């Protein structure tokens, strides 16, 4: 089952209305496809969703640094201790940004947008949660 991997217009509008000056942490819950699926139908030759997401990640890490952010923590999951069907994730990552404006600036960079095709191909589903980032060291 696939779900949206991009914010809705309403979610983006709400995010954009919040304070743009304070640090944020973005908590990423990631579930990868068994095999990558590109919207253009390209032959992935058995590429996993995790591998496709890795192509996106190479660009994303550079863009995160470019806007003054940093990967705070990331790890594959070991077990869903409490939860039900659909609550399983493959990886959790926390990225700190200096502010919402920096995050939004990153998402508008042409090379970031171009790499997002790999993110979409690799993810079965995702949840991205915005949290205050001032408790995470710079």
C-alpha atoms as a PDB file:
ATOM      1  CA  UNK A   1       0.000   0.000   0.000  1.00  0.00           C
ATOM      2  CA  UNK A   2       1.363   3.380  -0.949  1.00  0.00           C
ATOM      3  CA  UNK A   3       0.692   6.694   0.749  1.00  0.00           C
ATOM      4  CA  UNK A   4       1.653  10.286   0.010  1.00  0.00           C
ATOM      5  CA  UNK A   5       5.331  11.087   0.522  1.00  0.00           C
ATOM      6  CA  UNK A   6       4.935  14.832  -0.031  1.00  0.00           C
ATOM      7  CA  UNK A   7       2.988  17.317   2.119  1.00  0.00           C
ATOM      8  CA  UNK A   8      -0.507  18.337   1.103  1.00  0.00           C
ATOM      9  CA  UNK A   9      -1.098  21.963   0.157  1.00  0.00           C
ATOM     10  CA  UNK A  10      -2.815  22.489   3.523  1.00  0.00           C
ATOM     11  CA  UNK A  11       0.104  20.956   5.456  1.00  0.00           C
ATOM     12  CA  UNK A  12       2.608  23.110   3.570  1.00  0.00           C
ATOM     13  CA  UNK A  13       0.529  26.243   4.149  1.00  0.00           C
ATOM     14  CA  UNK A  14       0.284  25.541   7.888  1.00  0.00           C
ATOM     15  CA  UNK A  15       4.039  24.846   8.133  1.00  0.00           C
ATOM     16  CA  UNK A  16       4.748  28.099   6.284  1.00  0.00           C
ATOM     17  CA  UNK A  17       2.561  30.123   8.683  1.00  0.00           C
ATOM     18  CA  UNK A  18       4.463  28.987  11.791  1.00  0.00           C
ATOM     19  CA  UNK A  19       7.485  30.840  13.229  1.00  0.00           C
ATOM     20  CA  UNK A  20      10.185  30.769  10.537  1.00  0.00           C
ATOM     21  CA  UNK A  21      13.050  31.881  12.799  1.00  0.00           C
ATOM     22  CA  UNK A  22      13.407  29.218  15.508  1.00  0.00           C
ATOM     23  CA  UNK A  23      15.365  25.969  15.127  1.00  0.00           C
ATOM     24  CA  UNK A  24      13.367  22.875  14.182  1.00  0.00           C
ATOM     25  CA  UNK A  25      13.980  19.158  14.238  1.00  0.00           C
ATOM     26  CA  UNK A  26      12.350  17.023  11.594  1.00  0.00           C
ATOM     27  CA  UNK A  27      11.642  13.461  12.717  1.00  0.00           C
ATOM     28  CA  UNK A  28      11.498  11.152   9.693  1.00  0.00           C
ATOM     29  CA  UNK A  29       9.766   7.761   9.863  1.00  0.00           C
ATOM     30  CA  UNK A  30      10.633   5.831   6.715  1.00  0.00           C
ATOM     31  CA  UNK A  31       9.190   2.656   5.187  1.00  0.00           C
ATOM     32  CA  UNK A  32      10.959   1.592   2.010  1.00  0.00           C
ATOM     33  CA  UNK A  33       9.452  -0.229  -0.954  1.00  0.00           C
ATOM     34  CA  UNK A  34      10.786  -3.738  -1.566  1.00  0.00           C
ATOM     35  CA  UNK A  35      11.652  -2.557  -5.101  1.00  0.00           C
ATOM     36  CA  UNK A  36      11.914   1.071  -6.237  1.00  0.00           C
ATOM     37  CA  UNK A  37       9.039   2.336  -8.377  1.00  0.00           C
ATOM     38  CA  UNK A  38       9.679   5.419 -10.519  1.00  0.00           C
ATOM     39  CA  UNK A  39       6.744   7.445 -11.828  1.00  0.00           C
ATOM     40  CA  UNK A  40       8.267   7.409 -15.327  1.00  0.00           C
ATOM     41  CA  UNK A  41       8.215   3.593 -15.354  1.00  0.00           C
ATOM     42  CA  UNK A  42      11.967   3.167 -15.767  1.00  0.00           C
ATOM     43  CA  UNK A  43      13.454  -0.326 -15.369  1.00  0.00           C
ATOM     44  CA  UNK A  44      15.035  -0.373 -11.907  1.00  0.00           C
ATOM     45  CA  UNK A  45      16.817  -3.696 -12.523  1.00  0.00           C
ATOM     46  CA  UNK A  46      15.959  -4.933  -9.031  1.00  0.00           C
ATOM     47  CA  UNK A  47      16.960  -1.728  -7.191  1.00  0.00           C
ATOM     48  CA  UNK A  48      15.474  -1.701  -3.723  1.00  0.00           C
ATOM     49  CA  UNK A  49      13.513   1.203  -2.340  1.00  0.00           C
ATOM     50  CA  UNK A  50      16.244   1.719   0.239  1.00  0.00           C
ATOM     51  CA  UNK A  51      18.852   2.002  -2.536  1.00  0.00           C
ATOM     52  CA  UNK A  52      16.733   4.538  -4.438  1.00  0.00           C
ATOM     53  CA  UNK A  53      16.254   6.532  -1.241  1.00  0.00           C
ATOM     54  CA  UNK A  54      20.025   6.426  -0.776  1.00  0.00           C
ATOM     55  CA  UNK A  55      20.458   8.249  -4.104  1.00  0.00           C
ATOM     56  CA  UNK A  56      18.149  10.972  -2.797  1.00  0.00           C
ATOM     57  CA  UNK A  57      19.979  10.955   0.549  1.00  0.00           C
ATOM     58  CA  UNK A  58      23.335  11.772  -1.058  1.00  0.00           C
ATOM     59  CA  UNK A  59      21.924  15.010  -2.439  1.00  0.00           C
ATOM     60  CA  UNK A  60      19.755  15.743   0.596  1.00  0.00           C
ATOM     61  CA  UNK A  61      22.697  15.539   3.009  1.00  0.00           C
ATOM     62  CA  UNK A  62      24.620  18.121   0.974  1.00  0.00           C
ATOM     63  CA  UNK A  63      21.573  20.413   0.799  1.00  0.00           C
ATOM     64  CA  UNK A  64      20.910  20.047   4.543  1.00  0.00           C
ATOM     65  CA  UNK A  65      24.464  21.213   5.223  1.00  0.00           C
ATOM     66  CA  UNK A  66      24.136  24.018   2.675  1.00  0.00           C
ATOM     67  CA  UNK A  67      21.183  25.546   4.560  1.00  0.00           C
ATOM     68  CA  UNK A  68      22.927  25.170   7.932  1.00  0.00           C
ATOM     69  CA  UNK A  69      21.242  21.963   9.073  1.00  0.00           C
ATOM     70  CA  UNK A  70      22.698  18.651  10.143  1.00  0.00           C
ATOM     71  CA  UNK A  71      21.754  15.051  10.619  1.00  0.00           C
ATOM     72  CA  UNK A  72      21.339  14.666  14.353  1.00  0.00           C
ATOM     73  CA  UNK A  73      20.604  10.947  14.472  1.00  0.00           C
ATOM     74  CA  UNK A  74      19.541   8.112  12.165  1.00  0.00           C
ATOM     75  CA  UNK A  75      19.218   4.359  12.557  1.00  0.00           C
ATOM     76  CA  UNK A  76      17.406   1.385  11.106  1.00  0.00           C
ATOM     77  CA  UNK A  77      14.569   0.164  13.280  1.00  0.00           C
ATOM     78  CA  UNK A  78      14.916  -3.015  15.314  1.00  0.00           C
ATOM     79  CA  UNK A  79      11.350  -3.616  16.500  1.00  0.00           C
ATOM     80  CA  UNK A  80       7.987  -1.900  16.753  1.00  0.00           C
ATOM     81  CA  UNK A  81       7.519  -2.447  20.466  1.00  0.00           C
ATOM     82  CA  UNK A  82       4.098  -0.816  20.748  1.00  0.00           C
ATOM     83  CA  UNK A  83       1.910  -0.451  17.695  1.00  0.00           C
ATOM     84  CA  UNK A  84      -0.101  -2.376  15.196  1.00  0.00           C
ATOM     85  CA  UNK A  85      -0.184  -3.236  11.545  1.00  0.00           C
ATOM     86  CA  UNK A  86       1.000  -0.245   9.544  1.00  0.00           C
ATOM     87  CA  UNK A  87       3.118   1.077  12.399  1.00  0.00           C
ATOM     88  CA  UNK A  88       6.281  -0.675  11.205  1.00  0.00           C
ATOM     89  CA  UNK A  89       9.118   1.512   9.903  1.00  0.00           C
ATOM     90  CA  UNK A  90      12.493   0.650   8.379  1.00  0.00           C
ATOM     91  CA  UNK A  91      14.402   3.727   9.537  1.00  0.00           C
ATOM     92  CA  UNK A  92      14.077   6.730  11.815  1.00  0.00           C
ATOM     93  CA  UNK A  93      16.083   9.912  11.315  1.00  0.00           C
ATOM     94  CA  UNK A  94      16.181  13.287  13.050  1.00  0.00           C
ATOM     95  CA  UNK A  95      17.497  16.301  11.149  1.00  0.00           C
ATOM     96  CA  UNK A  96      18.038  19.681  12.808  1.00  0.00           C
ATOM     97  CA  UNK A  97      17.552  22.850  10.781  1.00  0.00           C
ATOM     98  CA  UNK A  98      18.358  26.370  11.945  1.00  0.00           C
ATOM     99  CA  UNK A  99      14.715  27.290  11.214  1.00  0.00           C
ATOM    100  CA  UNK A 100      11.670  26.474   9.075  1.00  0.00           C
ATOM    101  CA  UNK A 101      12.748  29.031   6.470  1.00  0.00           C
ATOM    102  CA  UNK A 102      15.993  27.071   5.899  1.00  0.00           C
ATOM    103  CA  UNK A 103      14.061  23.823   5.486  1.00  0.00           C
ATOM    104  CA  UNK A 104      11.687  25.423   2.979  1.00  0.00           C
ATOM    105  CA  UNK A 105      14.603  27.031   1.110  1.00  0.00           C
ATOM    106  CA  UNK A 106      16.219  23.600   0.777  1.00  0.00           C
ATOM    107  CA  UNK A 107      13.058  22.045  -0.666  1.00  0.00           C
ATOM    108  CA  UNK A 108      13.006  24.692  -3.410  1.00  0.00           C
ATOM    109  CA  UNK A 109      16.603  24.092  -4.578  1.00  0.00           C
ATOM    110  CA  UNK A 110      16.613  22.683  -8.108  1.00  0.00           C
ATOM    111  CA  UNK A 111      19.063  19.848  -7.402  1.00  0.00           C
ATOM    112  CA  UNK A 112      17.100  18.865  -4.279  1.00  0.00           C
ATOM    113  CA  UNK A 113      13.848  18.801  -6.270  1.00  0.00           C
ATOM    114  CA  UNK A 114      15.534  16.740  -9.003  1.00  0.00           C
ATOM    115  CA  UNK A 115      16.772  14.186  -6.449  1.00  0.00           C
ATOM    116  CA  UNK A 116      13.311  13.892  -4.896  1.00  0.00           C
ATOM    117  CA  UNK A 117      12.318  11.516  -7.706  1.00  0.00           C
ATOM    118  CA  UNK A 118      14.508   8.908  -5.928  1.00  0.00           C
ATOM    119  CA  UNK A 119      12.833   9.658  -2.584  1.00  0.00           C
ATOM    120  CA  UNK A 120       9.412   9.097  -4.120  1.00  0.00           C
ATOM    121  CA  UNK A 121      10.572   5.919  -5.877  1.00  0.00           C
ATOM    122  CA  UNK A 122      12.062   4.488  -2.710  1.00  0.00           C
ATOM    123  CA  UNK A 123       9.421   5.236  -0.110  1.00  0.00           C
ATOM    124  CA  UNK A 124       6.338   3.128   0.404  1.00  0.00           C
ATOM    125  CA  UNK A 125       5.231   5.576   3.076  1.00  0.00           C
ATOM    126  CA  UNK A 126       6.658   8.164   5.417  1.00  0.00           C
ATOM    127  CA  UNK A 127       5.766  10.452   8.278  1.00  0.00           C
ATOM    128  CA  UNK A 128       7.635  13.713   8.780  1.00  0.00           C
ATOM    129  CA  UNK A 129       7.065  15.388  12.139  1.00  0.00           C
ATOM    130  CA  UNK A 130       8.225  18.929  12.871  1.00  0.00           C
ATOM    131  CA  UNK A 131       9.396  19.527  16.449  1.00  0.00           C
ATOM    132  CA  UNK A 132      11.111  22.396  18.267  1.00  0.00           C
ATOM    133  CA  UNK A 133      14.828  22.081  17.534  1.00  0.00           C
ATOM    134  CA  UNK A 134      16.293  24.309  20.217  1.00  0.00           C
ATOM    135  CA  UNK A 135      16.934  21.338  22.529  1.00  0.00           C
ATOM    136  CA  UNK A 136      19.231  19.721  19.957  1.00  0.00           C
ATOM    137  CA  UNK A 137      22.778  21.093  19.948  1.00  0.00           C
ATOM    138  CA  UNK A 138      23.913  22.866  16.785  1.00  0.00           C
END
